[in-house]
Amino acid sequence: MKLKTKIKKLSIYSMLFASLSLSILTPTIVAIQKTNANAYVFAAFTGFELPVNKDENNVKQYAEKSNEKFYFGISLEGKQNLAYYGGLFYQDKISWDGIARAKFRRKNRYNDNPKKIQLAVTSWISGMGSPSFQVGAEVKYDGNFSASGKVNTNIAIDSNGYLVSEITNHNTKYAEIDYDFNGWKYKVTSFDQYATASAEYGHSKVLLTSNSTYNRVSKLSESLKEEE
């Protein structure tokens, strides 16, 4: 009987010690997004975010097309990071914020504006289950958001489970999206963002993506900020 009692007590103490150890030593995981890889960096500190290298969280994407007919440029400058690690029972939280810009200018014409210019920012997460996204105070698993608050702007979760913020402008060279989004998913394995733009002029349409391998540049040849 004494042996059974000792074994029972030892088992209870072992369980308590294991629970305490887990609560103390559970690592905080910081996701560092890179252009060619997504990886988890483990840190043995509980309850603190530990950005190993803040520059790794910065996203800067530039691309442009230019010929005798037009100039077309796009940029995305922002940040993205794992804002909260949910562990075994809660979802991980990803945050994105930044500014995307596009400019289309027709060359050798008095009216150098396109008929229409569209700009979209796409944010995505991969992991377990379906993601949810937050725009302002509104949280959704699918469908359109009503929290955009801007004319000609639409924010929605598409059929792929990506969050897409899009703006459409007419008879102007410029388009801009200033964004601040959050997303949740279990066991996040990777996340990213990019911008896409299209411009219509005459009977033609041109497309451009900020992370394009072919059109990527380190520095844009023209400013994409709207002239005051």
Protein backbone atom coordinates (compact mmCIF):
# COMPACT_ATOMS: atom_id res chain seq x y z
CA MET A 1 0.00 0.00 0.00
CA LYS A 2 2.81 2.38 0.88
CA LEU A 3 4.47 1.71 -2.48
CA LYS A 4 1.22 2.45 -4.36
CA THR A 5 0.76 5.67 -2.37
CA LYS A 6 4.30 6.79 -3.16
CA ILE A 7 3.82 6.00 -6.85
CA LYS A 8 0.53 7.93 -6.88
CA LYS A 9 2.12 10.97 -5.21
CA LEU A 10 5.09 10.82 -7.56
CA SER A 11 2.72 10.73 -10.54
CA ILE A 12 0.81 13.78 -9.27
CA TYR A 13 4.03 15.72 -8.64
CA SER A 14 5.31 14.79 -12.10
CA MET A 15 2.13 16.09 -13.75
CA LEU A 16 2.30 19.35 -11.78
CA PHE A 17 5.97 19.81 -12.65
CA ALA A 18 5.30 19.14 -16.34
CA SER A 19 2.43 21.64 -16.43
CA LEU A 20 4.54 24.27 -14.68
CA SER A 21 7.46 23.66 -17.01
CA LEU A 22 5.25 24.04 -20.07
CA SER A 23 3.80 27.31 -18.81
CA ILE A 24 7.27 28.71 -18.15
CA LEU A 25 9.22 27.34 -21.08
CA THR A 26 6.63 27.59 -23.87
CA PRO A 27 8.56 29.43 -26.57
CA THR A 28 7.38 32.54 -28.31
CA ILE A 29 7.56 32.05 -32.05
CA VAL A 30 8.38 35.00 -34.22
CA ALA A 31 7.62 34.64 -37.91
CA ILE A 32 10.17 36.38 -40.11
CA GLN A 33 8.87 36.80 -43.65
CA LYS A 34 11.51 36.69 -46.36
CA THR A 35 11.21 37.14 -50.09
CA ASN A 36 12.24 33.59 -50.88
CA ALA A 37 11.31 31.70 -47.72
CA ASN A 38 9.11 31.76 -44.65
CA ALA A 39 10.54 30.40 -41.43
CA TYR A 40 9.84 30.27 -37.72
CA VAL A 41 12.49 31.57 -35.39
CA PHE A 42 12.19 30.15 -31.88
CA ALA A 43 12.99 32.20 -28.76
CA ALA A 44 12.90 30.96 -25.17
CA PHE A 45 11.00 33.93 -23.79
CA THR A 46 7.36 33.71 -22.77
CA GLY A 47 4.87 36.45 -23.51
CA PHE A 48 7.18 38.69 -25.53
CA GLU A 49 7.52 39.23 -29.24
CA LEU A 50 11.15 39.02 -30.20
CA PRO A 51 11.84 40.49 -33.66
CA VAL A 52 15.27 39.08 -34.45
CA ASN A 53 15.76 41.51 -37.32
CA LYS A 54 13.15 44.19 -37.87
CA ASP A 55 14.36 44.77 -41.44
CA GLU A 56 13.24 41.23 -42.33
CA ASN A 57 9.63 42.24 -41.60
CA ASN A 58 9.76 45.12 -44.08
CA VAL A 59 8.29 44.55 -47.53
CA LYS A 60 9.45 46.72 -50.43
CA GLN A 61 8.34 45.74 -53.91
CA TYR A 62 8.78 47.88 -57.05
CA ALA A 63 8.01 47.13 -60.69
CA GLU A 64 7.50 49.15 -63.85
CA LYS A 65 6.91 48.99 -67.60
CA SER A 66 7.92 51.74 -70.00
CA ASN A 67 7.86 52.09 -73.79
CA GLU A 68 7.12 54.71 -76.45
CA LYS A 69 3.39 54.64 -75.60
CA PHE A 70 3.23 54.72 -71.80
CA TYR A 71 4.88 54.55 -68.39
CA PHE A 72 3.37 52.17 -65.81
CA GLY A 73 4.73 51.80 -62.27
CA ILE A 74 3.64 50.04 -59.08
CA SER A 75 5.00 49.92 -55.54
CA LEU A 76 4.20 48.26 -52.24
CA GLU A 77 5.93 49.44 -49.08
CA GLY A 78 4.83 47.97 -45.77
CA LYS A 79 5.37 45.60 -42.90
CA GLN A 80 4.07 42.15 -42.05
CA ASN A 81 4.68 40.01 -39.00
CA LEU A 82 3.36 37.40 -36.62
CA ALA A 83 1.68 39.68 -34.09
CA TYR A 84 0.52 36.86 -31.80
CA TYR A 85 1.48 33.20 -31.44
CA GLY A 86 -1.57 31.17 -30.40
CA GLY A 87 0.17 27.95 -29.40
CA LEU A 88 -1.75 24.69 -29.24
CA PHE A 89 -5.24 26.02 -28.61
CA TYR A 90 -5.49 29.48 -30.18
CA GLN A 91 -5.03 30.94 -33.63
CA ASP A 92 -1.91 32.79 -34.73
CA LYS A 93 -2.41 36.45 -35.67
CA ILE A 94 -0.73 38.07 -38.68
CA SER A 95 -0.66 41.83 -39.24
CA TRP A 96 -0.05 43.79 -42.45
CA ASP A 97 0.18 47.55 -42.89
CA GLY A 98 1.58 49.82 -45.56
CA ILE A 99 0.88 51.78 -48.73
CA ALA A 100 0.49 50.55 -52.31
CA ARG A 101 0.66 52.95 -55.25
CA ALA A 102 0.26 52.74 -59.02
CA LYS A 103 0.72 55.27 -61.82
CA PHE A 104 -0.07 55.02 -65.52
CA ARG A 105 0.94 57.87 -67.85
CA ARG A 106 0.42 57.97 -71.59
CA LYS A 107 3.32 59.49 -73.50
CA ASN A 108 3.26 62.17 -76.20
CA ARG A 109 -0.37 63.10 -75.56
CA TYR A 110 -2.03 66.25 -74.22
CA ASN A 111 -4.44 64.11 -72.17
CA ASP A 112 -2.09 61.56 -70.64
CA ASN A 113 -4.62 59.92 -68.30
CA PRO A 114 -5.85 56.35 -68.81
CA LYS A 115 -9.58 55.66 -69.02
CA LYS A 116 -9.37 53.56 -65.85
CA ILE A 117 -6.71 52.45 -63.38
CA GLN A 118 -7.23 49.72 -60.79
CA LEU A 119 -5.00 48.83 -57.84
CA ALA A 120 -5.35 45.88 -55.45
CA VAL A 121 -3.46 44.64 -52.40
CA THR A 122 -3.64 40.90 -51.69
CA SER A 123 -2.77 39.49 -48.25
CA TRP A 124 -2.73 35.75 -47.55
CA ILE A 125 -1.96 33.16 -44.87
CA SER A 126 -1.32 29.43 -45.15
CA GLY A 127 -1.76 27.00 -42.28
CA MET A 128 -4.50 24.82 -40.81
CA GLY A 129 -8.16 25.53 -41.51
CA SER A 130 -9.78 28.60 -43.01
CA PRO A 131 -8.45 32.08 -42.22
CA SER A 132 -10.39 35.02 -40.86
CA PHE A 133 -9.51 38.66 -41.47
CA GLN A 134 -10.07 41.96 -39.69
CA VAL A 135 -10.54 45.34 -41.37
CA GLY A 136 -11.14 48.09 -38.85
CA ALA A 137 -13.46 46.61 -36.22
CA GLU A 138 -15.02 44.13 -38.64
CA VAL A 139 -14.01 40.44 -38.68
CA LYS A 140 -15.07 38.01 -41.41
CA TYR A 141 -14.37 34.50 -42.70
CA ASP A 142 -15.73 35.28 -46.18
CA GLY A 143 -17.57 37.90 -48.21
CA ASN A 144 -17.26 41.68 -48.43
CA PHE A 145 -16.27 44.14 -45.74
CA SER A 146 -18.27 47.30 -45.15
CA ALA A 147 -15.47 49.00 -43.21
CA SER A 148 -13.46 50.38 -46.12
CA GLY A 149 -14.94 53.85 -45.70
CA LYS A 150 -13.56 55.08 -49.02
CA VAL A 151 -15.22 55.78 -52.35
CA ASN A 152 -14.41 53.34 -55.18
CA THR A 153 -12.78 50.93 -52.69
CA ASN A 154 -13.81 47.32 -52.14
CA ILE A 155 -12.37 44.93 -49.53
CA ALA A 156 -13.33 41.27 -49.69
CA ILE A 157 -12.15 37.71 -49.06
CA ASP A 158 -11.91 35.94 -52.42
CA SER A 159 -12.54 32.29 -53.33
CA ASN A 160 -8.93 31.38 -52.49
CA GLY A 161 -9.28 32.68 -48.94
CA TYR A 162 -7.14 35.76 -49.68
CA LEU A 163 -7.96 39.25 -48.45
CA VAL A 164 -8.13 41.65 -51.40
CA SER A 165 -8.45 45.43 -51.10
CA GLU A 166 -9.15 47.09 -54.45
CA ILE A 167 -9.65 50.65 -55.67
CA THR A 168 -10.80 51.84 -59.12
CA ASN A 169 -10.18 55.36 -60.45
CA HIS A 170 -11.25 56.94 -63.75
CA ASN A 171 -9.49 59.59 -65.84
CA THR A 172 -6.52 59.92 -63.51
CA LYS A 173 -2.98 58.59 -63.59
CA TYR A 174 -2.86 57.59 -59.92
CA ALA A 175 -4.22 55.01 -57.50
CA GLU A 176 -3.26 54.50 -53.86
CA ILE A 177 -4.27 52.13 -51.02
CA ASP A 178 -3.28 52.84 -47.42
CA TYR A 179 -3.99 49.58 -45.59
CA ASP A 180 -3.92 48.08 -42.09
CA PHE A 181 -5.20 44.49 -41.86
CA ASN A 182 -5.09 41.56 -39.45
CA GLY A 183 -5.62 37.86 -40.11
CA TRP A 184 -5.94 34.69 -38.04
CA LYS A 185 -5.24 31.05 -38.76
CA TYR A 186 -4.20 27.92 -36.83
CA LYS A 187 -0.55 26.88 -37.12
CA VAL A 188 0.51 29.53 -39.64
CA THR A 189 3.26 28.21 -41.92
CA SER A 190 3.66 31.21 -44.26
CA PHE A 191 2.15 34.57 -45.14
CA ASP A 192 2.77 37.32 -47.67
CA GLN A 193 1.35 40.29 -49.56
CA TYR A 194 1.63 41.85 -53.00
CA ALA A 195 -0.04 44.48 -55.15
CA THR A 196 -1.49 44.25 -58.65
CA ALA A 197 -2.57 47.01 -61.02
CA SER A 198 -4.28 47.34 -64.38
CA ALA A 199 -4.77 50.32 -66.68
CA GLU A 200 -7.05 50.77 -69.68
CA TYR A 201 -6.26 53.22 -72.48
CA GLY A 202 -7.70 53.34 -75.98
CA HIS A 203 -8.57 49.74 -76.79
CA SER A 204 -5.72 48.29 -74.73
CA LYS A 205 -5.26 47.03 -71.18
CA VAL A 206 -1.97 46.64 -69.29
CA LEU A 207 -1.30 44.58 -66.15
CA LEU A 208 1.50 44.88 -63.60
CA THR A 209 2.36 43.10 -60.32
CA SER A 210 4.58 44.48 -57.57
CA ASN A 211 6.43 41.18 -57.05
CA SER A 212 6.91 40.52 -60.77
CA THR A 213 10.23 38.84 -61.50
CA TYR A 214 10.43 40.19 -65.04
CA ASN A 215 9.42 43.82 -64.31
CA ARG A 216 10.99 44.17 -60.86
CA VAL A 217 13.28 47.16 -60.24
CA SER A 218 15.27 48.33 -57.23
CA LYS A 219 14.24 51.94 -57.81
CA LEU A 220 11.38 53.44 -59.81
CA SER A 221 12.25 55.87 -62.59
CA GLU A 222 9.22 58.07 -61.82
CA SER A 223 7.45 59.10 -58.62
CA LEU A 224 4.10 57.36 -58.06
CA LYS A 225 2.79 59.98 -55.65
CA GLU A 226 -0.06 62.09 -56.98
CA GLU A 227 0.99 65.60 -57.91
CA GLU A 228 -0.54 68.30 -55.75
